[in-house]
Amino acid sequence: MIPSLLKEQFGSLTYALDKLARDAQWFLKIANTLDLPSTGDPIVILTDNINTQLLIAKKSCKNSTRWLDIKWFFVKDAIFRNKIDLRRVDTKNNVANGFTKPLDKEAHKKFIQMLGLN
C-alpha cells in the first residue's frame, strides 16, 4: 500500500512536471518551426522531491505504483527519451519554495537574491 502522503506528493508533482514538460516541448517545437537555434540538450527540470525522483527513475512498475494514472508516464517517457533531464536541487536552494512556503526574514532575503531582485 502506498502511503497517502507519497501518493499526494507524487500526484501533485507529476501533474506539475507533466504540464511543465508538455509546455517546454511545445516551446521547442515552436522554436524549431521558427528556425531558432537550439543546443539539442534535454530540458532541465529541477526538483527537491526525492521520492518522486526515485519513482520516475525506475524503469519498472511495481504493485505499489499501479495506482498511478497513465498520463503521468509522459514525463517518465520524456526522461528516458532524453527530452527532459530531471535534476535534484537542495530544498534550501529551490527558488519555487519561496512562493509556496512561509519565509523568515533571512530566508526572504535569500529568496529575493535568488530571483535577482535585490
PDB file of N, CA and C in Angstrom:
ATOM      1  N   MET A   1       0.844  -1.183   0.000  1.00  0.00           N
ATOM      2  CA  MET A   1       0.000   0.000   0.000  1.00  0.00           C
ATOM      3  C   MET A   1       0.890   1.247   0.000  1.00  0.00           C
ATOM      4  N   ILE A   2       0.587   2.185  -0.844  1.00  0.00           N
ATOM      5  CA  ILE A   2       1.349   3.439  -0.948  1.00  0.00           C
ATOM      6  C   ILE A   2       0.920   4.365   0.189  1.00  0.00           C
ATOM      7  N   PRO A   3       1.855   4.941   0.902  1.00  0.00           N
ATOM      8  CA  PRO A   3       1.476   5.927   1.910  1.00  0.00           C
ATOM      9  C   PRO A   3       0.775   7.099   1.223  1.00  0.00           C
ATOM     10  N   SER A   4      -0.289   7.580   1.840  1.00  0.00           N
ATOM     11  CA  SER A   4      -1.086   8.633   1.199  1.00  0.00           C
ATOM     12  C   SER A   4      -0.283   9.902   0.959  1.00  0.00           C
ATOM     13  N   LEU A   5       0.673  10.218   1.837  1.00  0.00           N
ATOM     14  CA  LEU A   5       1.478  11.422   1.637  1.00  0.00           C
ATOM     15  C   LEU A   5       2.318  11.299   0.368  1.00  0.00           C
ATOM     16  N   LEU A   6       2.935  10.138   0.166  1.00  0.00           N
ATOM     17  CA  LEU A   6       3.726   9.923  -1.047  1.00  0.00           C
ATOM     18  C   LEU A   6       2.825  10.012  -2.271  1.00  0.00           C
ATOM     19  N   LYS A   7       1.648   9.409  -2.192  1.00  0.00           N
ATOM     20  CA  LYS A   7       0.715   9.446  -3.319  1.00  0.00           C
ATOM     21  C   LYS A   7       0.327  10.886  -3.637  1.00  0.00           C
ATOM     22  N   GLU A   8       0.053  11.674  -2.600  1.00  0.00           N
ATOM     23  CA  GLU A   8      -0.319  13.077  -2.788  1.00  0.00           C
ATOM     24  C   GLU A   8       0.845  13.879  -3.361  1.00  0.00           C
ATOM     25  N   GLN A   9       2.036  13.691  -2.796  1.00  0.00           N
ATOM     26  CA  GLN A   9       3.214  14.419  -3.285  1.00  0.00           C
ATOM     27  C   GLN A   9       3.520  14.043  -4.726  1.00  0.00           C
ATOM     28  N   PHE A  10       3.518  12.746  -5.002  1.00  0.00           N
ATOM     29  CA  PHE A  10       3.848  12.301  -6.347  1.00  0.00           C
ATOM     30  C   PHE A  10       2.791  12.776  -7.343  1.00  0.00           C
ATOM     31  N   GLY A  11       1.532  12.692  -6.940  1.00  0.00           N
ATOM     32  CA  GLY A  11       0.459  13.138  -7.826  1.00  0.00           C
ATOM     33  C   GLY A  11       0.557  14.612  -8.154  1.00  0.00           C
ATOM     34  N   SER A  12       0.773  15.456  -7.140  1.00  0.00           N
ATOM     35  CA  SER A  12       0.839  16.899  -7.402  1.00  0.00           C
ATOM     36  C   SER A  12       2.108  17.277  -8.149  1.00  0.00           C
ATOM     37  N   LEU A  13       3.235  16.633  -7.811  1.00  0.00           N
ATOM     38  CA  LEU A  13       4.479  16.958  -8.501  1.00  0.00           C
ATOM     39  C   LEU A  13       4.444  16.464  -9.938  1.00  0.00           C
ATOM     40  N   THR A  14       3.922  15.259 -10.155  1.00  0.00           N
ATOM     41  CA  THR A  14       3.893  14.766 -11.525  1.00  0.00           C
ATOM     42  C   THR A  14       2.912  15.561 -12.369  1.00  0.00           C
ATOM     43  N   TYR A  15       1.848  16.084 -11.755  1.00  0.00           N
ATOM     44  CA  TYR A  15       0.954  16.967 -12.511  1.00  0.00           C
ATOM     45  C   TYR A  15       1.729  18.200 -12.955  1.00  0.00           C
ATOM     46  N   ALA A  16       2.495  18.795 -12.039  1.00  0.00           N
ATOM     47  CA  ALA A  16       3.294  19.981 -12.377  1.00  0.00           C
ATOM     48  C   ALA A  16       4.361  19.629 -13.409  1.00  0.00           C
ATOM     49  N   LEU A  17       5.035  18.485 -13.226  1.00  0.00           N
ATOM     50  CA  LEU A  17       6.048  18.061 -14.183  1.00  0.00           C
ATOM     51  C   LEU A  17       5.436  17.789 -15.550  1.00  0.00           C
ATOM     52  N   ASP A  18       4.268  17.162 -15.546  1.00  0.00           N
ATOM     53  CA  ASP A  18       3.580  16.849 -16.800  1.00  0.00           C
ATOM     54  C   ASP A  18       3.281  18.132 -17.574  1.00  0.00           C
ATOM     55  N   LYS A  19       2.717  19.105 -16.886  1.00  0.00           N
ATOM     56  CA  LYS A  19       2.377  20.389 -17.519  1.00  0.00           C
ATOM     57  C   LYS A  19       3.648  21.090 -18.004  1.00  0.00           C
ATOM     58  N   LEU A  20       4.660  21.131 -17.156  1.00  0.00           N
ATOM     59  CA  LEU A  20       5.919  21.781 -17.499  1.00  0.00           C
ATOM     60  C   LEU A  20       6.590  21.090 -18.685  1.00  0.00           C
ATOM     61  N   ALA A  21       6.622  19.760 -18.654  1.00  0.00           N
ATOM     62  CA  ALA A  21       7.265  19.003 -19.734  1.00  0.00           C
ATOM     63  C   ALA A  21       6.544  19.215 -21.059  1.00  0.00           C
ATOM     64  N   ARG A  22       5.222  19.175 -21.036  1.00  0.00           N
ATOM     65  CA  ARG A  22       4.456  19.378 -22.267  1.00  0.00           C
ATOM     66  C   ARG A  22       4.648  20.803 -22.803  1.00  0.00           C
ATOM     67  N   ASP A  23       4.611  21.776 -21.911  1.00  0.00           N
ATOM     68  CA  ASP A  23       4.808  23.165 -22.338  1.00  0.00           C
ATOM     69  C   ASP A  23       6.202  23.385 -22.906  1.00  0.00           C
ATOM     70  N   ALA A  24       7.212  22.823 -22.237  1.00  0.00           N
ATOM     71  CA  ALA A  24       8.593  23.002 -22.692  1.00  0.00           C
ATOM     72  C   ALA A  24       8.792  22.363 -24.065  1.00  0.00           C
ATOM     73  N   GLN A  25       8.230  21.179 -24.268  1.00  0.00           N
ATOM     74  CA  GLN A  25       8.370  20.531 -25.565  1.00  0.00           C
ATOM     75  C   GLN A  25       7.599  21.289 -26.643  1.00  0.00           C
ATOM     76  N   TRP A  26       6.479  21.892 -26.275  1.00  0.00           N
ATOM     77  CA  TRP A  26       5.713  22.715 -27.212  1.00  0.00           C
ATOM     78  C   TRP A  26       6.530  23.937 -27.634  1.00  0.00           C
ATOM     79  N   PHE A  27       7.185  24.583 -26.650  1.00  0.00           N
ATOM     80  CA  PHE A  27       8.035  25.740 -26.971  1.00  0.00           C
ATOM     81  C   PHE A  27       9.187  25.340 -27.901  1.00  0.00           C
ATOM     82  N   LEU A  28       9.753  24.156 -27.665  1.00  0.00           N
ATOM     83  CA  LEU A  28      10.825  23.685 -28.542  1.00  0.00           C
ATOM     84  C   LEU A  28      10.322  23.479 -29.974  1.00  0.00           C
ATOM     85  N   LYS A  29       9.117  22.954 -30.116  1.00  0.00           N
ATOM     86  CA  LYS A  29       8.543  22.766 -31.459  1.00  0.00           C
ATOM     87  C   LYS A  29       8.349  24.109 -32.153  1.00  0.00           C
ATOM     88  N   ILE A  30       7.880  25.103 -31.402  1.00  0.00           N
ATOM     89  CA  ILE A  30       7.700  26.439 -31.986  1.00  0.00           C
ATOM     90  C   ILE A  30       9.058  27.013 -32.388  1.00  0.00           C
ATOM     91  N   ALA A  31      10.059  26.858 -31.517  1.00  0.00           N
ATOM     92  CA  ALA A  31      11.399  27.363 -31.826  1.00  0.00           C
ATOM     93  C   ALA A  31      11.949  26.695 -33.085  1.00  0.00           C
ATOM     94  N   ASN A  32      11.733  25.390 -33.226  1.00  0.00           N
ATOM     95  CA  ASN A  32      12.189  24.678 -34.426  1.00  0.00           C
ATOM     96  C   ASN A  32      11.449  25.162 -35.671  1.00  0.00           C
ATOM     97  N   THR A  33      10.147  25.411 -35.547  1.00  0.00           N
ATOM     98  CA  THR A  33       9.356  25.908 -36.667  1.00  0.00           C
ATOM     99  C   THR A  33       9.857  27.269 -37.131  1.00  0.00           C
ATOM    100  N   LEU A  34      10.286  28.084 -36.173  1.00  0.00           N
ATOM    101  CA  LEU A  34      10.787  29.425 -36.490  1.00  0.00           C
ATOM    102  C   LEU A  34      12.285  29.418 -36.814  1.00  0.00           C
ATOM    103  N   ASP A  35      12.874  28.230 -36.894  1.00  0.00           N
ATOM    104  CA  ASP A  35      14.299  28.069 -37.186  1.00  0.00           C
ATOM    105  C   ASP A  35      15.200  28.810 -36.196  1.00  0.00           C
ATOM    106  N   LEU A  36      14.782  28.846 -34.928  1.00  0.00           N
ATOM    107  CA  LEU A  36      15.616  29.444 -33.892  1.00  0.00           C
ATOM    108  C   LEU A  36      16.707  28.447 -33.512  1.00  0.00           C
ATOM    109  N   PRO A  37      17.884  28.928 -33.129  1.00  0.00           N
ATOM    110  CA  PRO A  37      18.967  27.999 -32.787  1.00  0.00           C
ATOM    111  C   PRO A  37      18.624  27.173 -31.548  1.00  0.00           C
ATOM    112  N   SER A  38      19.091  25.941 -31.550  1.00  0.00           N
ATOM    113  CA  SER A  38      18.837  25.031 -30.430  1.00  0.00           C
ATOM    114  C   SER A  38      20.111  24.280 -30.095  1.00  0.00           C
ATOM    115  N   THR A  39      20.331  24.016 -28.813  1.00  0.00           N
ATOM    116  CA  THR A  39      21.518  23.268 -28.399  1.00  0.00           C
ATOM    117  C   THR A  39      21.309  21.767 -28.564  1.00  0.00           C
ATOM    118  N   GLY A  40      20.060  21.345 -28.616  1.00  0.00           N
ATOM    119  CA  GLY A  40      19.769  19.923 -28.707  1.00  0.00           C
ATOM    120  C   GLY A  40      19.829  19.212 -27.372  1.00  0.00           C
ATOM    121  N   ASP A  41      20.177  19.951 -26.323  1.00  0.00           N
ATOM    122  CA  ASP A  41      20.241  19.360 -24.986  1.00  0.00           C
ATOM    123  C   ASP A  41      18.831  19.146 -24.438  1.00  0.00           C
ATOM    124  N   PRO A  42      18.683  18.165 -23.523  1.00  0.00           N
ATOM    125  CA  PRO A  42      17.368  17.975 -22.905  1.00  0.00           C
ATOM    126  C   PRO A  42      16.982  19.178 -22.040  1.00  0.00           C
ATOM    127  N   ILE A  43      15.699  19.351 -21.841  1.00  0.00           N
ATOM    128  CA  ILE A  43      15.172  20.416 -20.992  1.00  0.00           C
ATOM    129  C   ILE A  43      15.446  20.036 -19.538  1.00  0.00           C
ATOM    130  N   VAL A  44      16.065  20.923 -18.786  1.00  0.00           N
ATOM    131  CA  VAL A  44      16.403  20.644 -17.388  1.00  0.00           C
ATOM    132  C   VAL A  44      15.263  21.104 -16.490  1.00  0.00           C
ATOM    133  N   ILE A  45      14.787  20.184 -15.651  1.00  0.00           N
ATOM    134  CA  ILE A  45      13.764  20.490 -14.653  1.00  0.00           C
ATOM    135  C   ILE A  45      14.353  20.148 -13.286  1.00  0.00           C
ATOM    136  N   LEU A  46      14.319  21.106 -12.380  1.00  0.00           N
ATOM    137  CA  LEU A  46      14.872  20.911 -11.042  1.00  0.00           C
ATOM    138  C   LEU A  46      13.762  20.588 -10.048  1.00  0.00           C
ATOM    139  N   THR A  47      14.021  19.645  -9.149  1.00  0.00           N
ATOM    140  CA  THR A  47      13.051  19.292  -8.118  1.00  0.00           C
ATOM    141  C   THR A  47      13.789  18.938  -6.828  1.00  0.00           C
ATOM    142  N   ASP A  48      13.104  19.137  -5.707  1.00  0.00           N
ATOM    143  CA  ASP A  48      13.689  18.747  -4.423  1.00  0.00           C
ATOM    144  C   ASP A  48      12.953  17.559  -3.815  1.00  0.00           C
ATOM    145  N   ASN A  49      12.034  16.955  -4.562  1.00  0.00           N
ATOM    146  CA  ASN A  49      11.260  15.828  -4.060  1.00  0.00           C
ATOM    147  C   ASN A  49      11.962  14.515  -4.416  1.00  0.00           C
ATOM    148  N   ILE A  50      12.637  13.930  -3.447  1.00  0.00           N
ATOM    149  CA  ILE A  50      13.438  12.731  -3.676  1.00  0.00           C
ATOM    150  C   ILE A  50      12.563  11.530  -4.034  1.00  0.00           C
ATOM    151  N   ASN A  51      11.440  11.341  -3.346  1.00  0.00           N
ATOM    152  CA  ASN A  51      10.583  10.185  -3.619  1.00  0.00           C
ATOM    153  C   ASN A  51      10.080  10.181  -5.057  1.00  0.00           C
ATOM    154  N   THR A  52       9.697  11.322  -5.551  1.00  0.00           N
ATOM    155  CA  THR A  52       9.224  11.400  -6.928  1.00  0.00           C
ATOM    156  C   THR A  52      10.349  11.088  -7.898  1.00  0.00           C
ATOM    157  N   GLN A  53      11.526  11.608  -7.628  1.00  0.00           N
ATOM    158  CA  GLN A  53      12.667  11.311  -8.492  1.00  0.00           C
ATOM    159  C   GLN A  53      12.941   9.811  -8.535  1.00  0.00           C
ATOM    160  N   LEU A  54      12.877   9.160  -7.391  1.00  0.00           N
ATOM    161  CA  LEU A  54      13.133   7.721  -7.339  1.00  0.00           C
ATOM    162  C   LEU A  54      12.087   6.944  -8.119  1.00  0.00           C
ATOM    163  N   LEU A  55      10.812   7.326  -7.970  1.00  0.00           N
ATOM    164  CA  LEU A  55       9.754   6.645  -8.710  1.00  0.00           C
ATOM    165  C   LEU A  55       9.883   6.854 -10.212  1.00  0.00           C
ATOM    166  N   ILE A  56      10.205   8.062 -10.618  1.00  0.00           N
ATOM    167  CA  ILE A  56      10.321   8.351 -12.046  1.00  0.00           C
ATOM    168  C   ILE A  56      11.555   7.680 -12.637  1.00  0.00           C
ATOM    169  N   ALA A  57      12.622   7.542 -11.865  1.00  0.00           N
ATOM    170  CA  ALA A  57      13.860   6.963 -12.366  1.00  0.00           C
ATOM    171  C   ALA A  57      13.762   5.454 -12.594  1.00  0.00           C
ATOM    172  N   LYS A  58      12.829   4.796 -11.915  1.00  0.00           N
ATOM    173  CA  LYS A  58      12.703   3.345 -12.069  1.00  0.00           C
ATOM    174  C   LYS A  58      12.081   3.011 -13.415  1.00  0.00           C
ATOM    175  N   LYS A  59      12.635   1.995 -14.075  1.00  0.00           N
ATOM    176  CA  LYS A  59      12.117   1.588 -15.383  1.00  0.00           C
ATOM    177  C   LYS A  59      10.906   0.676 -15.256  1.00  0.00           C
ATOM    178  N   SER A  60      10.774   0.015 -14.132  1.00  0.00           N
ATOM    179  CA  SER A  60       9.677  -0.932 -13.976  1.00  0.00           C
ATOM    180  C   SER A  60       8.562  -0.348 -13.123  1.00  0.00           C
ATOM    181  N   CYS A  61       7.458  -1.040 -13.094  1.00  0.00           N
ATOM    182  CA  CYS A  61       6.303  -0.621 -12.298  1.00  0.00           C
ATOM    183  C   CYS A  61       5.991  -1.743 -11.319  1.00  0.00           C
ATOM    184  N   LYS A  62       5.826  -1.402 -10.070  1.00  0.00           N
ATOM    185  CA  LYS A  62       5.546  -2.400  -9.043  1.00  0.00           C
ATOM    186  C   LYS A  62       4.099  -2.271  -8.580  1.00  0.00           C
ATOM    187  N   ASN A  63       3.693  -3.207  -7.766  1.00  0.00           N
ATOM    188  CA  ASN A  63       2.333  -3.171  -7.226  1.00  0.00           C
ATOM    189  C   ASN A  63       2.039  -1.869  -6.499  1.00  0.00           C
ATOM    190  N   SER A  64       3.056  -1.318  -5.846  1.00  0.00           N
ATOM    191  CA  SER A  64       2.851  -0.103  -5.058  1.00  0.00           C
ATOM    192  C   SER A  64       2.659   1.140  -5.921  1.00  0.00           C
ATOM    193  N   THR A  65       2.977   1.051  -7.206  1.00  0.00           N
ATOM    194  CA  THR A  65       2.812   2.224  -8.074  1.00  0.00           C
ATOM    195  C   THR A  65       1.748   2.012  -9.153  1.00  0.00           C
ATOM    196  N   ARG A  66       0.979   0.945  -9.059  1.00  0.00           N
ATOM    197  CA  ARG A  66      -0.053   0.680 -10.067  1.00  0.00           C
ATOM    198  C   ARG A  66      -1.191   1.693 -10.016  1.00  0.00           C
ATOM    199  N   TRP A  67      -1.323   2.410  -8.926  1.00  0.00           N
ATOM    200  CA  TRP A  67      -2.400   3.392  -8.777  1.00  0.00           C
ATOM    201  C   TRP A  67      -2.179   4.614  -9.653  1.00  0.00           C
ATOM    202  N   LEU A  68      -0.971   4.789 -10.193  1.00  0.00           N
ATOM    203  CA  LEU A  68      -0.666   5.972 -10.989  1.00  0.00           C
ATOM    204  C   LEU A  68      -1.482   5.992 -12.275  1.00  0.00           C
ATOM    205  N   ASP A  69      -1.979   7.128 -12.619  1.00  0.00           N
ATOM    206  CA  ASP A  69      -2.689   7.314 -13.867  1.00  0.00           C
ATOM    207  C   ASP A  69      -1.676   7.276 -15.012  1.00  0.00           C
ATOM    208  N   ILE A  70      -2.057   6.717 -16.134  1.00  0.00           N
ATOM    209  CA  ILE A  70      -1.142   6.550 -17.261  1.00  0.00           C
ATOM    210  C   ILE A  70      -0.584   7.878 -17.767  1.00  0.00           C
ATOM    211  N   LYS A  71      -1.329   8.969 -17.599  1.00  0.00           N
ATOM    212  CA  LYS A  71      -0.840  10.249 -18.122  1.00  0.00           C
ATOM    213  C   LYS A  71       0.435  10.716 -17.436  1.00  0.00           C
ATOM    214  N   TRP A  72       0.686  10.230 -16.204  1.00  0.00           N
ATOM    215  CA  TRP A  72       1.904  10.653 -15.519  1.00  0.00           C
ATOM    216  C   TRP A  72       3.152  10.034 -16.143  1.00  0.00           C
ATOM    217  N   PHE A  73       2.962   9.018 -16.956  1.00  0.00           N
ATOM    218  CA  PHE A  73       4.112   8.359 -17.563  1.00  0.00           C
ATOM    219  C   PHE A  73       4.653   9.131 -18.764  1.00  0.00           C
ATOM    220  N   PHE A  74       3.990  10.214 -19.146  1.00  0.00           N
ATOM    221  CA  PHE A  74       4.515  11.090 -20.196  1.00  0.00           C
ATOM    222  C   PHE A  74       5.875  11.637 -19.770  1.00  0.00           C
ATOM    223  N   VAL A  75       5.960  12.090 -18.538  1.00  0.00           N
ATOM    224  CA  VAL A  75       7.210  12.653 -18.017  1.00  0.00           C
ATOM    225  C   VAL A  75       8.284  11.566 -17.966  1.00  0.00           C
ATOM    226  N   LYS A  76       7.913  10.409 -17.455  1.00  0.00           N
ATOM    227  CA  LYS A  76       8.859   9.295 -17.354  1.00  0.00           C
ATOM    228  C   LYS A  76       9.387   8.928 -18.743  1.00  0.00           C
ATOM    229  N   ASP A  77       8.506   8.866 -19.716  1.00  0.00           N
ATOM    230  CA  ASP A  77       8.894   8.542 -21.084  1.00  0.00           C
ATOM    231  C   ASP A  77       9.805   9.630 -21.663  1.00  0.00           C
ATOM    232  N   ALA A  78       9.467  10.885 -21.412  1.00  0.00           N
ATOM    233  CA  ALA A  78      10.279  12.002 -21.923  1.00  0.00           C
ATOM    234  C   ALA A  78      11.686  11.967 -21.324  1.00  0.00           C
ATOM    235  N   ILE A  79      11.806  11.546 -20.075  1.00  0.00           N
ATOM    236  CA  ILE A  79      13.122  11.428 -19.435  1.00  0.00           C
ATOM    237  C   ILE A  79      13.922  10.316 -20.102  1.00  0.00           C
ATOM    238  N   PHE A  80      13.291   9.168 -20.345  1.00  0.00           N
ATOM    239  CA  PHE A  80      14.005   8.053 -20.958  1.00  0.00           C
ATOM    240  C   PHE A  80      14.318   8.298 -22.431  1.00  0.00           C
ATOM    241  N   ARG A  81      13.570   9.176 -23.095  1.00  0.00           N
ATOM    242  CA  ARG A  81      13.867   9.545 -24.488  1.00  0.00           C
ATOM    243  C   ARG A  81      14.868  10.695 -24.547  1.00  0.00           C
ATOM    244  N   ASN A  82      15.379  11.112 -23.383  1.00  0.00           N
ATOM    245  CA  ASN A  82      16.365  12.188 -23.262  1.00  0.00           C
ATOM    246  C   ASN A  82      15.826  13.532 -23.755  1.00  0.00           C
ATOM    247  N   LYS A  83      14.528  13.762 -23.571  1.00  0.00           N
ATOM    248  CA  LYS A  83      13.920  15.052 -23.875  1.00  0.00           C
ATOM    249  C   LYS A  83      13.936  15.950 -22.649  1.00  0.00           C
ATOM    250  N   ILE A  84      13.907  15.316 -21.470  1.00  0.00           N
ATOM    251  CA  ILE A  84      13.887  16.039 -20.191  1.00  0.00           C
ATOM    252  C   ILE A  84      14.964  15.464 -19.287  1.00  0.00           C
ATOM    253  N   ASP A  85      15.624  16.342 -18.562  1.00  0.00           N
ATOM    254  CA  ASP A  85      16.636  15.946 -17.586  1.00  0.00           C
ATOM    255  C   ASP A  85      16.149  16.410 -16.215  1.00  0.00           C
ATOM    256  N   LEU A  86      15.692  15.464 -15.401  1.00  0.00           N
ATOM    257  CA  LEU A  86      15.176  15.774 -14.062  1.00  0.00           C
ATOM    258  C   LEU A  86      16.346  15.744 -13.089  1.00  0.00           C
ATOM    259  N   ARG A  87      16.637  16.887 -12.477  1.00  0.00           N
ATOM    260  CA  ARG A  87      17.788  17.005 -11.575  1.00  0.00           C
ATOM    261  C   ARG A  87      17.354  17.390 -10.173  1.00  0.00           C
ATOM    262  N   ARG A  88      18.153  16.971  -9.228  1.00  0.00           N
ATOM    263  CA  ARG A  88      17.903  17.278  -7.817  1.00  0.00           C
ATOM    264  C   ARG A  88      18.452  18.656  -7.487  1.00  0.00           C
ATOM    265  N   VAL A  89      17.659  19.422  -6.751  1.00  0.00           N
ATOM    266  CA  VAL A  89      18.109  20.697  -6.200  1.00  0.00           C
ATOM    267  C   VAL A  89      17.838  20.636  -4.697  1.00  0.00           C
ATOM    268  N   ASP A  90      18.775  21.111  -3.915  1.00  0.00           N
ATOM    269  CA  ASP A  90      18.597  21.113  -2.469  1.00  0.00           C
ATOM    270  C   ASP A  90      17.424  22.024  -2.105  1.00  0.00           C
ATOM    271  N   THR A  91      16.641  21.605  -1.135  1.00  0.00           N
ATOM    272  CA  THR A  91      15.455  22.372  -0.736  1.00  0.00           C
ATOM    273  C   THR A  91      15.805  23.818  -0.402  1.00  0.00           C
ATOM    274  N   LYS A  92      16.954  24.042   0.227  1.00  0.00           N
ATOM    275  CA  LYS A  92      17.355  25.405   0.597  1.00  0.00           C
ATOM    276  C   LYS A  92      17.640  26.270  -0.627  1.00  0.00           C
ATOM    277  N   ASN A  93      17.977  25.644  -1.746  1.00  0.00           N
ATOM    278  CA  ASN A  93      18.289  26.388  -2.967  1.00  0.00           C
ATOM    279  C   ASN A  93      17.180  26.317  -4.014  1.00  0.00           C
ATOM    280  N   ASN A  94      16.019  25.804  -3.623  1.00  0.00           N
ATOM    281  CA  ASN A  94      14.896  25.683  -4.545  1.00  0.00           C
ATOM    282  C   ASN A  94      14.108  26.991  -4.545  1.00  0.00           C
ATOM    283  N   VAL A  95      14.220  27.743  -5.625  1.00  0.00           N
ATOM    284  CA  VAL A  95      13.568  29.056  -5.705  1.00  0.00           C
ATOM    285  C   VAL A  95      12.054  28.944  -5.544  1.00  0.00           C
ATOM    286  N   ALA A  96      11.459  27.868  -6.058  1.00  0.00           N
ATOM    287  CA  ALA A  96       9.999  27.705  -6.002  1.00  0.00           C
ATOM    288  C   ALA A  96       9.477  27.687  -4.576  1.00  0.00           C
ATOM    289  N   ASN A  97      10.288  27.252  -3.619  1.00  0.00           N
ATOM    290  CA  ASN A  97       9.840  27.205  -2.218  1.00  0.00           C
ATOM    291  C   ASN A  97       9.493  28.588  -1.683  1.00  0.00           C
ATOM    292  N   GLY A  98      10.116  29.620  -2.216  1.00  0.00           N
ATOM    293  CA  GLY A  98       9.804  30.979  -1.783  1.00  0.00           C
ATOM    294  C   GLY A  98       8.378  31.390  -2.102  1.00  0.00           C
ATOM    295  N   PHE A  99       7.786  30.737  -3.102  1.00  0.00           N
ATOM    296  CA  PHE A  99       6.400  31.020  -3.476  1.00  0.00           C
ATOM    297  C   PHE A  99       5.399  30.168  -2.712  1.00  0.00           C
ATOM    298  N   THR A 100       5.871  29.058  -2.129  1.00  0.00           N
ATOM    299  CA  THR A 100       4.935  28.103  -1.535  1.00  0.00           C
ATOM    300  C   THR A 100       5.092  27.884  -0.038  1.00  0.00           C
ATOM    301  N   LYS A 101       6.161  28.407   0.548  1.00  0.00           N
ATOM    302  CA  LYS A 101       6.404  28.182   1.975  1.00  0.00           C
ATOM    303  C   LYS A 101       6.605  29.508   2.699  1.00  0.00           C
ATOM    304  N   PRO A 102       6.221  29.546   3.980  1.00  0.00           N
ATOM    305  CA  PRO A 102       6.467  30.768   4.743  1.00  0.00           C
ATOM    306  C   PRO A 102       7.972  30.968   4.947  1.00  0.00           C
ATOM    307  N   LEU A 103       8.416  32.213   4.850  1.00  0.00           N
ATOM    308  CA  LEU A 103       9.837  32.518   4.962  1.00  0.00           C
ATOM    309  C   LEU A 103      10.093  33.486   6.107  1.00  0.00           C
ATOM    310  N   ASP A 104      11.145  33.208   6.874  1.00  0.00           N
ATOM    311  CA  ASP A 104      11.565  34.188   7.868  1.00  0.00           C
ATOM    312  C   ASP A 104      12.345  35.285   7.137  1.00  0.00           C
ATOM    313  N   LYS A 105      12.782  36.289   7.872  1.00  0.00           N
ATOM    314  CA  LYS A 105      13.430  37.451   7.257  1.00  0.00           C
ATOM    315  C   LYS A 105      14.669  37.067   6.446  1.00  0.00           C
ATOM    316  N   GLU A 106      15.506  36.212   7.031  1.00  0.00           N
ATOM    317  CA  GLU A 106      16.745  35.813   6.360  1.00  0.00           C
ATOM    318  C   GLU A 106      16.453  34.990   5.098  1.00  0.00           C
ATOM    319  N   ALA A 107      15.501  34.057   5.195  1.00  0.00           N
ATOM    320  CA  ALA A 107      15.136  33.237   4.039  1.00  0.00           C
ATOM    321  C   ALA A 107      14.506  34.090   2.938  1.00  0.00           C
ATOM    322  N   HIS A 108      13.747  35.119   3.338  1.00  0.00           N
ATOM    323  CA  HIS A 108      13.144  36.019   2.353  1.00  0.00           C
ATOM    324  C   HIS A 108      14.221  36.806   1.608  1.00  0.00           C
ATOM    325  N   LYS A 109      15.238  37.253   2.329  1.00  0.00           N
ATOM    326  CA  LYS A 109      16.360  37.957   1.692  1.00  0.00           C
ATOM    327  C   LYS A 109      17.033  37.071   0.641  1.00  0.00           C
ATOM    328  N   LYS A 110      17.289  35.824   1.034  1.00  0.00           N
ATOM    329  CA  LYS A 110      17.923  34.877   0.109  1.00  0.00           C
ATOM    330  C   LYS A 110      17.020  34.621  -1.098  1.00  0.00           C
ATOM    331  N   PHE A 111      15.723  34.501  -0.862  1.00  0.00           N
ATOM    332  CA  PHE A 111      14.757  34.279  -1.936  1.00  0.00           C
ATOM    333  C   PHE A 111      14.789  35.433  -2.941  1.00  0.00           C
ATOM    334  N   ILE A 112      14.803  36.654  -2.432  1.00  0.00           N
ATOM    335  CA  ILE A 112      14.852  37.844  -3.300  1.00  0.00           C
ATOM    336  C   ILE A 112      16.145  37.846  -4.118  1.00  0.00           C
ATOM    337  N   GLN A 113      17.242  37.439  -3.494  1.00  0.00           N
ATOM    338  CA  GLN A 113      18.522  37.367  -4.214  1.00  0.00           C
ATOM    339  C   GLN A 113      18.489  36.297  -5.304  1.00  0.00           C
ATOM    340  N   MET A 114      17.895  35.132  -4.986  1.00  0.00           N
ATOM    341  CA  MET A 114      17.821  34.051  -5.971  1.00  0.00           C
ATOM    342  C   MET A 114      16.968  34.464  -7.171  1.00  0.00           C
ATOM    343  N   LEU A 115      15.989  35.324  -6.944  1.00  0.00           N
ATOM    344  CA  LEU A 115      15.168  35.828  -8.039  1.00  0.00           C
ATOM    345  C   LEU A 115      15.869  36.930  -8.830  1.00  0.00           C
ATOM    346  N   GLY A 116      16.953  37.461  -8.260  1.00  0.00           N
ATOM    347  CA  GLY A 116      17.689  38.540  -8.916  1.00  0.00           C
ATOM    348  C   GLY A 116      17.014  39.885  -8.758  1.00  0.00           C
ATOM    349  N   LEU A 117      16.252  40.055  -7.678  1.00  0.00           N
ATOM    350  CA  LEU A 117      15.506  41.295  -7.463  1.00  0.00           C
ATOM    351  C   LEU A 117      16.124  42.190  -6.395  1.00  0.00           C
ATOM    352  N   ASN A 118      17.356  41.922  -5.990  1.00  0.00           N
ATOM    353  CA  ASN A 118      17.973  42.736  -4.934  1.00  0.00           C
ATOM    354  C   ASN A 118      18.589  43.998  -5.468  1.00  0.00           C
TER     355      ASN A 118
END
